[in-house]
Amino acid sequence: MKRVYECDLSKKKDLLKILEADKFATDSLERIGYKFREGASLGEDKSKIYIYVSSSEENIKKADEKLKPVATVLSGEKEKKILDKISAEDEGAEAGFGSMFS
């Protein structure tokens, strides 16, 4: 299951506290795994931050609860657009890294 959250850049400190809290807990966001992108780096709204989580439904529900105070869940076209941009970034990075060994 995949989920994208949107957070105002002004809440970045609060967001980072949530993302980095309890790093060793089994349900921590550090262990669940996430990708963090500022809107400007994706060619999106510079005043936003996007958090991408890909995990089980149970872990997504935990992420929903933890991020609820600072972020909103994206859906529809906006979610797809952000997912596509993050995927394209990742593919580009993998291709670049792969060319080092060619």
Protein backbone atom coordinates (compact mmCIF):
# COMPACT_ATOMS: atom_id res chain seq x y z
CA MET A 1 0.00 0.00 0.00
CA LYS A 2 1.24 3.48 -0.85
CA ARG A 3 0.36 6.79 0.74
CA VAL A 4 1.45 10.39 0.19
CA TYR A 5 1.09 13.09 2.82
CA GLU A 6 1.34 16.85 2.39
CA CYS A 7 2.66 19.16 5.09
CA ASP A 8 3.24 22.92 5.20
CA LEU A 9 6.91 23.84 5.15
CA SER A 10 6.25 25.99 8.23
CA LYS A 11 5.61 22.74 10.19
CA LYS A 12 8.90 21.11 9.14
CA LYS A 13 10.34 21.08 12.68
CA ASP A 14 7.25 19.36 14.07
CA LEU A 15 7.21 16.93 11.16
CA LEU A 16 10.85 15.96 11.68
CA LYS A 17 10.22 15.34 15.37
CA ILE A 18 7.44 12.90 14.44
CA LEU A 19 9.45 11.22 11.67
CA GLU A 20 12.52 10.74 13.87
CA ALA A 21 10.75 9.83 17.13
CA ASP A 22 11.35 6.42 18.73
CA LYS A 23 13.71 5.25 15.99
CA PHE A 24 14.04 1.79 17.51
CA ALA A 25 10.35 1.14 18.17
CA THR A 26 8.87 -1.53 15.91
CA ASP A 27 6.17 0.85 14.67
CA SER A 28 8.40 3.92 14.24
CA LEU A 29 8.29 5.72 10.94
CA GLU A 30 12.04 5.16 10.68
CA ARG A 31 11.45 1.40 10.61
CA ILE A 32 8.34 1.57 8.45
CA GLY A 33 10.31 3.66 5.97
CA TYR A 34 9.45 6.90 4.24
CA LYS A 35 10.68 9.32 1.61
CA PHE A 36 10.69 13.01 2.37
CA ARG A 37 10.70 15.63 -0.39
CA GLU A 38 10.30 19.39 -0.32
CA GLY A 39 7.84 20.67 -2.88
CA ALA A 40 10.47 22.78 -4.67
CA SER A 41 12.61 19.69 -5.38
CA LEU A 42 9.63 18.08 -7.14
CA GLY A 43 8.65 21.18 -9.09
CA GLU A 44 5.61 21.60 -6.84
CA ASP A 45 4.46 24.19 -4.32
CA LYS A 46 7.57 25.52 -2.54
CA SER A 47 5.62 25.92 0.69
CA LYS A 48 4.85 22.18 0.96
CA ILE A 49 6.64 19.01 2.01
CA TYR A 50 5.63 15.58 0.76
CA ILE A 51 6.09 12.32 2.66
CA TYR A 52 5.78 9.03 0.80
CA VAL A 53 5.21 5.77 2.68
CA SER A 54 4.99 2.32 1.08
CA SER A 55 4.14 -0.42 3.57
CA SER A 56 1.43 -2.74 4.86
CA GLU A 57 -2.08 -1.45 5.51
CA GLU A 58 -1.43 -1.77 9.25
CA ASN A 59 1.71 0.38 9.04
CA ILE A 60 -0.04 2.94 6.85
CA LYS A 61 -2.74 3.30 9.52
CA LYS A 62 -0.01 3.89 12.12
CA ALA A 63 1.61 6.49 9.87
CA ASP A 64 -1.81 8.15 9.38
CA GLU A 65 -2.20 8.54 13.14
CA LYS A 66 1.33 9.77 13.74
CA LEU A 67 1.29 12.31 10.91
CA LYS A 68 -2.29 13.51 11.46
CA PRO A 69 -1.29 16.54 13.60
CA VAL A 70 0.95 18.03 10.88
CA ALA A 71 0.08 16.50 7.52
CA THR A 72 -2.89 15.64 5.33
CA VAL A 73 -3.33 12.54 3.20
CA LEU A 74 -3.31 13.22 -0.52
CA SER A 75 -5.59 11.39 -2.93
CA GLY A 76 -6.63 11.38 -6.54
CA GLU A 77 -4.66 13.19 -9.23
CA LYS A 78 -2.50 15.12 -6.76
CA GLU A 79 -1.35 11.90 -5.08
CA LYS A 80 -0.66 10.22 -8.44
CA LYS A 81 1.32 13.24 -9.64
CA ILE A 82 3.57 13.23 -6.55
CA LEU A 83 3.99 9.42 -6.68
CA ASP A 84 5.01 9.64 -10.34
CA LYS A 85 7.57 12.37 -9.62
CA ILE A 86 9.11 10.47 -6.70
CA SER A 87 9.24 7.26 -8.78
CA ALA A 88 10.90 9.10 -11.66
CA GLU A 89 13.48 10.59 -9.26
CA ASP A 90 14.24 7.15 -7.83
CA GLU A 91 14.57 5.57 -11.27
CA GLY A 92 16.92 8.35 -12.36
CA ALA A 93 19.06 7.87 -9.28
CA GLU A 94 19.21 4.09 -9.81
CA ALA A 95 20.16 4.54 -13.46
CA GLY A 96 22.89 6.99 -12.52
CA PHE A 97 24.26 4.68 -9.86
CA GLY A 98 24.14 1.72 -12.24
CA SER A 99 26.19 3.56 -14.85
CA MET A 100 29.07 3.79 -12.35
CA PHE A 101 29.57 0.04 -12.72
CA SER A 102 29.16 -0.21 -16.51
